[in-house]
């Protein structure tokens, strides 16, 4: 491998880590923050509204176990 291949993988020619650009880190932080906010909204909405035909479990901590036990919901987990 020449040094250009190693540099593409965030390493210099002597295998020292090259840190990513600050702008990329900033965008990644914003993206992960938005995903966390969406997940929290999903947890809150799940206590108020459930999809008809799927297991009715308002407690978000027990909802995954209910989906594993229901044969219809297992089809959605496989996808």
PDB file of N, CA and C in Angstrom:
ATOM      1  N   UNK A   1       0.829  -1.175   0.000  1.00  0.00           N
ATOM      2  CA  UNK A   1       0.000   0.000   0.000  1.00  0.00           C
ATOM      3  C   UNK A   1       0.880   1.248   0.000  1.00  0.00           C
ATOM      4  N   UNK A   2       0.500   2.185  -0.808  1.00  0.00           N
ATOM      5  CA  UNK A   2       1.220   3.456  -0.781  1.00  0.00           C
ATOM      6  C   UNK A   2       0.584   4.378   0.254  1.00  0.00           C
ATOM      7  N   UNK A   3       1.183   5.526   0.459  1.00  0.00           N
ATOM      8  CA  UNK A   3       0.715   6.413   1.526  1.00  0.00           C
ATOM      9  C   UNK A   3      -0.675   6.988   1.243  1.00  0.00           C
ATOM     10  N   UNK A   4      -1.078   7.091  -0.027  1.00  0.00           N
ATOM     11  CA  UNK A   4      -2.408   7.630  -0.315  1.00  0.00           C
ATOM     12  C   UNK A   4      -3.508   6.675   0.164  1.00  0.00           C
ATOM     13  N   UNK A   5      -3.284   5.376   0.037  1.00  0.00           N
ATOM     14  CA  UNK A   5      -4.266   4.409   0.521  1.00  0.00           C
ATOM     15  C   UNK A   5      -4.386   4.472   2.044  1.00  0.00           C
ATOM     16  N   UNK A   6      -3.264   4.604   2.723  1.00  0.00           N
ATOM     17  CA  UNK A   6      -3.303   4.674   4.174  1.00  0.00           C
ATOM     18  C   UNK A   6      -3.948   5.976   4.638  1.00  0.00           C
ATOM     19  N   UNK A   7      -3.693   7.057   3.920  1.00  0.00           N
ATOM     20  CA  UNK A   7      -4.272   8.341   4.312  1.00  0.00           C
ATOM     21  C   UNK A   7      -5.785   8.319   4.132  1.00  0.00           C
ATOM     22  N   UNK A   8      -6.280   7.586   3.132  1.00  0.00           N
ATOM     23  CA  UNK A   8      -7.714   7.481   2.923  1.00  0.00           C
ATOM     24  C   UNK A   8      -8.403   6.779   4.085  1.00  0.00           C
ATOM     25  N   UNK A   9      -7.673   5.963   4.790  1.00  0.00           N
ATOM     26  CA  UNK A   9      -8.248   5.222   5.914  1.00  0.00           C
ATOM     27  C   UNK A   9      -7.918   5.898   7.248  1.00  0.00           C
ATOM     28  N   UNK A  10      -7.695   7.200   7.240  1.00  0.00           N
ATOM     29  CA  UNK A  10      -7.417   7.995   8.428  1.00  0.00           C
ATOM     30  C   UNK A  10      -6.095   7.626   9.099  1.00  0.00           C
ATOM     31  N   UNK A  11      -5.117   7.165   8.332  1.00  0.00           N
ATOM     32  CA  UNK A  11      -3.803   6.895   8.881  1.00  0.00           C
ATOM     33  C   UNK A  11      -2.749   7.578   8.023  1.00  0.00           C
ATOM     34  N   UNK A  12      -1.696   8.048   8.681  1.00  0.00           N
ATOM     35  CA  UNK A  12      -0.568   8.593   7.946  1.00  0.00           C
ATOM     36  C   UNK A  12       0.300   7.436   7.466  1.00  0.00           C
ATOM     37  N   UNK A  13       1.392   7.734   6.802  1.00  0.00           N
ATOM     38  CA  UNK A  13       2.237   6.684   6.257  1.00  0.00           C
ATOM     39  C   UNK A  13       2.901   5.861   7.362  1.00  0.00           C
ATOM     40  N   UNK A  14       3.046   6.394   8.569  1.00  0.00           N
ATOM     41  CA  UNK A  14       3.665   5.644   9.662  1.00  0.00           C
ATOM     42  C   UNK A  14       2.634   5.122  10.668  1.00  0.00           C
ATOM     43  N   UNK A  15       1.400   4.954  10.193  1.00  0.00           N
ATOM     44  CA  UNK A  15       0.302   4.364  10.969  1.00  0.00           C
ATOM     45  C   UNK A  15      -0.084   5.176  12.205  1.00  0.00           C
ATOM     46  N   UNK A  16       0.032   6.482  12.138  1.00  0.00           N
ATOM     47  CA  UNK A  16      -0.429   7.361  13.206  1.00  0.00           C
ATOM     48  C   UNK A  16      -1.814   7.857  12.807  1.00  0.00           C
ATOM     49  N   UNK A  17      -2.726   7.886  13.737  1.00  0.00           N
ATOM     50  CA  UNK A  17      -4.103   8.279  13.446  1.00  0.00           C
ATOM     51  C   UNK A  17      -4.177   9.732  13.005  1.00  0.00           C
ATOM     52  N   UNK A  18      -4.931   9.981  11.947  1.00  0.00           N
ATOM     53  CA  UNK A  18      -5.209  11.340  11.481  1.00  0.00           C
ATOM     54  C   UNK A  18      -6.622  11.676  11.921  1.00  0.00           C
ATOM     55  N   UNK A  19      -6.793  12.778  12.639  1.00  0.00           N
ATOM     56  CA  UNK A  19      -8.100  13.134  13.162  1.00  0.00           C
ATOM     57  C   UNK A  19      -8.978  13.689  12.046  1.00  0.00           C
ATOM     58  N   UNK A  20     -10.281  13.384  12.082  1.00  0.00           N
ATOM     59  CA  UNK A  20     -11.185  13.888  11.042  1.00  0.00           C
ATOM     60  C   UNK A  20     -11.384  15.401  11.168  1.00  0.00           C
ATOM     61  N   UNK A  21     -11.943  15.984  10.131  1.00  0.00           N
ATOM     62  CA  UNK A  21     -12.175  17.419  10.112  1.00  0.00           C
ATOM     63  C   UNK A  21     -13.209  17.808  11.162  1.00  0.00           C
ATOM     64  N   UNK A  22     -13.073  19.000  11.673  1.00  0.00           N
ATOM     65  CA  UNK A  22     -13.979  19.489  12.712  1.00  0.00           C
ATOM     66  C   UNK A  22     -15.403  19.612  12.173  1.00  0.00           C
ATOM     67  N   UNK A  23     -15.546  20.016  10.921  1.00  0.00           N
ATOM     68  CA  UNK A  23     -16.885  20.152  10.338  1.00  0.00           C
ATOM     69  C   UNK A  23     -17.600  18.800  10.288  1.00  0.00           C
ATOM     70  N   UNK A  24     -16.863  17.731   9.961  1.00  0.00           N
ATOM     71  CA  UNK A  24     -17.462  16.397   9.926  1.00  0.00           C
ATOM     72  C   UNK A  24     -17.899  15.977  11.329  1.00  0.00           C
ATOM     73  N   UNK A  25     -17.075  16.267  12.329  1.00  0.00           N
ATOM     74  CA  UNK A  25     -17.438  15.939  13.702  1.00  0.00           C
ATOM     75  C   UNK A  25     -18.670  16.723  14.149  1.00  0.00           C
ATOM     76  N   UNK A  26     -18.759  17.973  13.750  1.00  0.00           N
ATOM     77  CA  UNK A  26     -19.897  18.819  14.106  1.00  0.00           C
ATOM     78  C   UNK A  26     -21.178  18.273  13.478  1.00  0.00           C
ATOM     79  N   UNK A  27     -21.110  17.888  12.213  1.00  0.00           N
ATOM     80  CA  UNK A  27     -22.291  17.344  11.536  1.00  0.00           C
ATOM     81  C   UNK A  27     -22.720  16.016  12.150  1.00  0.00           C
ATOM     82  N   UNK A  28     -21.749  15.191  12.527  1.00  0.00           N
ATOM     83  CA  UNK A  28     -22.073  13.907  13.145  1.00  0.00           C
ATOM     84  C   UNK A  28     -22.745  14.114  14.499  1.00  0.00           C
ATOM     85  N   UNK A  29     -22.283  15.099  15.264  1.00  0.00           N
ATOM     86  CA  UNK A  29     -22.887  15.385  16.564  1.00  0.00           C
ATOM     87  C   UNK A  29     -24.331  15.860  16.409  1.00  0.00           C
ATOM     88  N   UNK A  30     -24.582  16.710  15.419  1.00  0.00           N
ATOM     89  CA  UNK A  30     -25.945  17.194  15.176  1.00  0.00           C
ATOM     90  C   UNK A  30     -26.844  16.044  14.741  1.00  0.00           C
ATOM     91  N   UNK A  31     -26.327  15.179  13.859  1.00  0.00           N
ATOM     92  CA  UNK A  31     -27.119  14.044  13.374  1.00  0.00           C
ATOM     93  C   UNK A  31     -27.477  13.101  14.522  1.00  0.00           C
ATOM     94  N   UNK A  32     -26.519  12.768  15.366  1.00  0.00           N
ATOM     95  CA  UNK A  32     -26.796  11.858  16.466  1.00  0.00           C
ATOM     96  C   UNK A  32     -27.746  12.492  17.485  1.00  0.00           C
ATOM     97  N   UNK A  33     -27.633  13.787  17.679  1.00  0.00           N
ATOM     98  CA  UNK A  33     -28.564  14.467  18.573  1.00  0.00           C
ATOM     99  C   UNK A  33     -29.985  14.416  18.056  1.00  0.00           C
ATOM    100  N   UNK A  34     -30.157  14.587  16.752  1.00  0.00           N
ATOM    101  CA  UNK A  34     -31.504  14.535  16.164  1.00  0.00           C
ATOM    102  C   UNK A  34     -32.081  13.137  16.241  1.00  0.00           C
ATOM    103  N   UNK A  35     -31.260  12.123  16.048  1.00  0.00           N
ATOM    104  CA  UNK A  35     -31.741  10.740  16.160  1.00  0.00           C
ATOM    105  C   UNK A  35     -32.179  10.450  17.587  1.00  0.00           C
ATOM    106  N   UNK A  36     -31.426  10.939  18.566  1.00  0.00           N
ATOM    107  CA  UNK A  36     -31.807  10.733  19.974  1.00  0.00           C
ATOM    108  C   UNK A  36     -33.108  11.450  20.309  1.00  0.00           C
ATOM    109  N   UNK A  37     -33.280  12.662  19.789  1.00  0.00           N
ATOM    110  CA  UNK A  37     -34.530  13.385  20.042  1.00  0.00           C
ATOM    111  C   UNK A  37     -35.712  12.651  19.426  1.00  0.00           C
ATOM    112  N   UNK A  38     -35.549  12.109  18.226  1.00  0.00           N
ATOM    113  CA  UNK A  38     -36.622  11.362  17.576  1.00  0.00           C
ATOM    114  C   UNK A  38     -36.944  10.083  18.345  1.00  0.00           C
ATOM    115  N   UNK A  39     -35.925   9.411  18.862  1.00  0.00           N
ATOM    116  CA  UNK A  39     -36.151   8.198  19.651  1.00  0.00           C
ATOM    117  C   UNK A  39     -36.913   8.509  20.930  1.00  0.00           C
ATOM    118  N   UNK A  40     -36.595   9.627  21.563  1.00  0.00           N
ATOM    119  CA  UNK A  40     -37.316  10.003  22.785  1.00  0.00           C
ATOM    120  C   UNK A  40     -38.775  10.311  22.489  1.00  0.00           C
ATOM    121  N   UNK A  41     -39.035  11.017  21.398  1.00  0.00           N
ATOM    122  CA  UNK A  41     -40.420  11.306  21.013  1.00  0.00           C
ATOM    123  C   UNK A  41     -41.166  10.002  20.734  1.00  0.00           C
ATOM    124  N   UNK A  42     -40.510   9.050  20.115  1.00  0.00           N
ATOM    125  CA  UNK A  42     -41.131   7.752  19.851  1.00  0.00           C
ATOM    126  C   UNK A  42     -41.483   7.011  21.123  1.00  0.00           C
ATOM    127  N   UNK A  43     -40.617   7.105  22.136  1.00  0.00           N
ATOM    128  CA  UNK A  43     -40.916   6.450  23.411  1.00  0.00           C
ATOM    129  C   UNK A  43     -42.120   7.084  24.087  1.00  0.00           C
ATOM    130  N   UNK A  44     -42.230   8.406  24.026  1.00  0.00           N
ATOM    131  CA  UNK A  44     -43.352   9.098  24.668  1.00  0.00           C
ATOM    132  C   UNK A  44     -44.654   8.831  23.921  1.00  0.00           C
ATOM    133  N   UNK A  45     -44.631   8.879  22.598  1.00  0.00           N
ATOM    134  CA  UNK A  45     -45.843   8.666  21.800  1.00  0.00           C
ATOM    135  C   UNK A  45     -46.338   7.231  21.939  1.00  0.00           C
ATOM    136  N   UNK A  46     -45.415   6.290  22.129  1.00  0.00           N
ATOM    137  CA  UNK A  46     -45.803   4.885  22.251  1.00  0.00           C
ATOM    138  C   UNK A  46     -46.678   4.652  23.473  1.00  0.00           C
ATOM    139  N   UNK A  47     -46.514   5.449  24.506  1.00  0.00           N
ATOM    140  CA  UNK A  47     -47.363   5.281  25.688  1.00  0.00           C
ATOM    141  C   UNK A  47     -48.787   5.752  25.439  1.00  0.00           C
ATOM    142  N   UNK A  48     -48.991   6.648  24.469  1.00  0.00           N
ATOM    143  CA  UNK A  48     -50.308   7.199  24.198  1.00  0.00           C
ATOM    144  C   UNK A  48     -51.031   6.510  23.047  1.00  0.00           C
ATOM    145  N   UNK A  49     -50.288   6.025  22.057  1.00  0.00           N
ATOM    146  CA  UNK A  49     -50.896   5.463  20.854  1.00  0.00           C
ATOM    147  C   UNK A  49     -50.140   4.209  20.435  1.00  0.00           C
ATOM    148  N   UNK A  50     -50.881   3.155  20.131  1.00  0.00           N
ATOM    149  CA  UNK A  50     -50.288   1.918  19.624  1.00  0.00           C
ATOM    150  C   UNK A  50     -50.899   1.592  18.267  1.00  0.00           C
ATOM    151  N   UNK A  51     -50.166   0.918  17.440  1.00  0.00           N
ATOM    152  CA  UNK A  51     -50.634   0.533  16.105  1.00  0.00           C
ATOM    153  C   UNK A  51     -51.603  -0.636  16.246  1.00  0.00           C
ATOM    154  N   UNK A  52     -52.810  -0.530  15.677  1.00  0.00           N
ATOM    155  CA  UNK A  52     -53.776  -1.636  15.762  1.00  0.00           C
ATOM    156  C   UNK A  52     -53.237  -2.893  15.083  1.00  0.00           C
ATOM    157  N   UNK A  53     -53.471  -4.019  15.706  1.00  0.00           N
ATOM    158  CA  UNK A  53     -53.032  -5.292  15.160  1.00  0.00           C
ATOM    159  C   UNK A  53     -51.692  -5.749  15.710  1.00  0.00           C
ATOM    160  N   UNK A  54     -50.959  -4.860  16.339  1.00  0.00           N
ATOM    161  CA  UNK A  54     -49.689  -5.226  16.962  1.00  0.00           C
ATOM    162  C   UNK A  54     -49.882  -5.285  18.470  1.00  0.00           C
ATOM    163  N   UNK A  55     -48.951  -5.879  19.189  1.00  0.00           N
ATOM    164  CA  UNK A  55     -49.123  -5.981  20.654  1.00  0.00           C
ATOM    165  C   UNK A  55     -49.306  -4.611  21.298  1.00  0.00           C
ATOM    166  N   UNK A  56     -50.273  -4.526  22.213  1.00  0.00           N
ATOM    167  CA  UNK A  56     -50.575  -3.273  22.906  1.00  0.00           C
ATOM    168  C   UNK A  56     -49.787  -3.241  24.219  1.00  0.00           C
ATOM    169  N   UNK A  57     -48.652  -2.619  24.202  1.00  0.00           N
ATOM    170  CA  UNK A  57     -47.807  -2.526  25.392  1.00  0.00           C
ATOM    171  C   UNK A  57     -47.360  -1.085  25.564  1.00  0.00           C
ATOM    172  N   UNK A  58     -47.987  -0.332  26.470  1.00  0.00           N
ATOM    173  CA  UNK A  58     -47.629   1.082  26.623  1.00  0.00           C
ATOM    174  C   UNK A  58     -46.284   1.302  27.306  1.00  0.00           C
ATOM    175  N   UNK A  59     -45.775   0.326  28.041  1.00  0.00           N
ATOM    176  CA  UNK A  59     -44.485   0.483  28.714  1.00  0.00           C
ATOM    177  C   UNK A  59     -43.371   0.193  27.711  1.00  0.00           C
ATOM    178  N   UNK A  60     -42.541   1.190  27.439  1.00  0.00           N
ATOM    179  CA  UNK A  60     -41.512   1.031  26.409  1.00  0.00           C
ATOM    180  C   UNK A  60     -40.458   0.009  26.802  1.00  0.00           C
ATOM    181  N   UNK A  61     -40.271  -0.235  28.077  1.00  0.00           N
ATOM    182  CA  UNK A  61     -39.267  -1.208  28.505  1.00  0.00           C
ATOM    183  C   UNK A  61     -39.720  -2.644  28.216  1.00  0.00           C
ATOM    184  N   UNK A  62     -41.032  -2.870  28.180  1.00  0.00           N
ATOM    185  CA  UNK A  62     -41.562  -4.216  27.943  1.00  0.00           C
ATOM    186  C   UNK A  62     -42.041  -4.419  26.510  1.00  0.00           C
ATOM    187  N   UNK A  63     -42.007  -3.375  25.690  1.00  0.00           N
ATOM    188  CA  UNK A  63     -42.578  -3.453  24.343  1.00  0.00           C
ATOM    189  C   UNK A  63     -41.806  -4.408  23.445  1.00  0.00           C
ATOM    190  N   UNK A  64     -40.488  -4.438  23.545  1.00  0.00           N
ATOM    191  CA  UNK A  64     -39.707  -5.323  22.681  1.00  0.00           C
ATOM    192  C   UNK A  64     -39.970  -6.783  23.014  1.00  0.00           C
ATOM    193  N   UNK A  65     -40.098  -7.106  24.292  1.00  0.00           N
ATOM    194  CA  UNK A  65     -40.431  -8.479  24.674  1.00  0.00           C
ATOM    195  C   UNK A  65     -41.804  -8.883  24.154  1.00  0.00           C
ATOM    196  N   UNK A  66     -42.753  -7.962  24.175  1.00  0.00           N
ATOM    197  CA  UNK A  66     -44.090  -8.249  23.651  1.00  0.00           C
ATOM    198  C   UNK A  66     -44.032  -8.499  22.146  1.00  0.00           C
ATOM    199  N   UNK A  67     -43.194  -7.770  21.431  1.00  0.00           N
ATOM    200  CA  UNK A  67     -43.068  -7.983  19.984  1.00  0.00           C
ATOM    201  C   UNK A  67     -42.383  -9.312  19.677  1.00  0.00           C
ATOM    202  N   UNK A  68     -41.422  -9.713  20.515  1.00  0.00           N
ATOM    203  CA  UNK A  68     -40.776 -11.010  20.299  1.00  0.00           C
ATOM    204  C   UNK A  68     -41.746 -12.163  20.529  1.00  0.00           C
ATOM    205  N   UNK A  69     -42.710 -11.996  21.425  1.00  0.00           N
ATOM    206  CA  UNK A  69     -43.658 -13.066  21.737  1.00  0.00           C
ATOM    207  C   UNK A  69     -44.830 -13.127  20.766  1.00  0.00           C
ATOM    208  N   UNK A  70     -45.106 -12.069  20.026  1.00  0.00           N
ATOM    209  CA  UNK A  70     -46.243 -12.035  19.103  1.00  0.00           C
ATOM    210  C   UNK A  70     -45.791 -12.481  17.710  1.00  0.00           C
ATOM    211  N   UNK A  71     -46.441 -13.478  17.101  1.00  0.00           N
ATOM    212  CA  UNK A  71     -45.998 -13.954  15.779  1.00  0.00           C
ATOM    213  C   UNK A  71     -46.168 -12.931  14.662  1.00  0.00           C
ATOM    214  N   UNK A  72     -47.193 -12.081  14.736  1.00  0.00           N
ATOM    215  CA  UNK A  72     -47.391 -11.069  13.696  1.00  0.00           C
ATOM    216  C   UNK A  72     -46.322  -9.995  13.790  1.00  0.00           C
ATOM    217  N   UNK A  73     -45.980  -9.596  14.995  1.00  0.00           N
ATOM    218  CA  UNK A  73     -44.970  -8.555  15.169  1.00  0.00           C
ATOM    219  C   UNK A  73     -43.585  -9.044  14.804  1.00  0.00           C
ATOM    220  N   UNK A  74     -43.343 -10.346  14.882  1.00  0.00           N
ATOM    221  CA  UNK A  74     -42.031 -10.887  14.521  1.00  0.00           C
ATOM    222  C   UNK A  74     -41.733 -10.683  13.050  1.00  0.00           C
ATOM    223  N   UNK A  75     -42.770 -10.622  12.220  1.00  0.00           N
ATOM    224  CA  UNK A  75     -42.549 -10.356  10.793  1.00  0.00           C
ATOM    225  C   UNK A  75     -41.966  -8.960  10.596  1.00  0.00           C
ATOM    226  N   UNK A  76     -42.407  -7.985  11.360  1.00  0.00           N
ATOM    227  CA  UNK A  76     -41.871  -6.649  11.266  1.00  0.00           C
ATOM    228  C   UNK A  76     -40.446  -6.556  11.791  1.00  0.00           C
ATOM    229  N   UNK A  77     -40.114  -7.338  12.814  1.00  0.00           N
ATOM    230  CA  UNK A  77     -38.755  -7.334  13.367  1.00  0.00           C
ATOM    231  C   UNK A  77     -37.766  -7.947  12.388  1.00  0.00           C
ATOM    232  N   UNK A  78     -38.225  -8.931  11.605  1.00  0.00           N
ATOM    233  CA  UNK A  78     -37.330  -9.581  10.636  1.00  0.00           C
ATOM    234  C   UNK A  78     -36.972  -8.622   9.512  1.00  0.00           C
ATOM    235  N   UNK A  79     -37.924  -7.791   9.108  1.00  0.00           N
ATOM    236  CA  UNK A  79     -37.653  -6.862   8.013  1.00  0.00           C
ATOM    237  C   UNK A  79     -36.630  -5.876   8.460  1.00  0.00           C
TER     238      UNK A  79
END
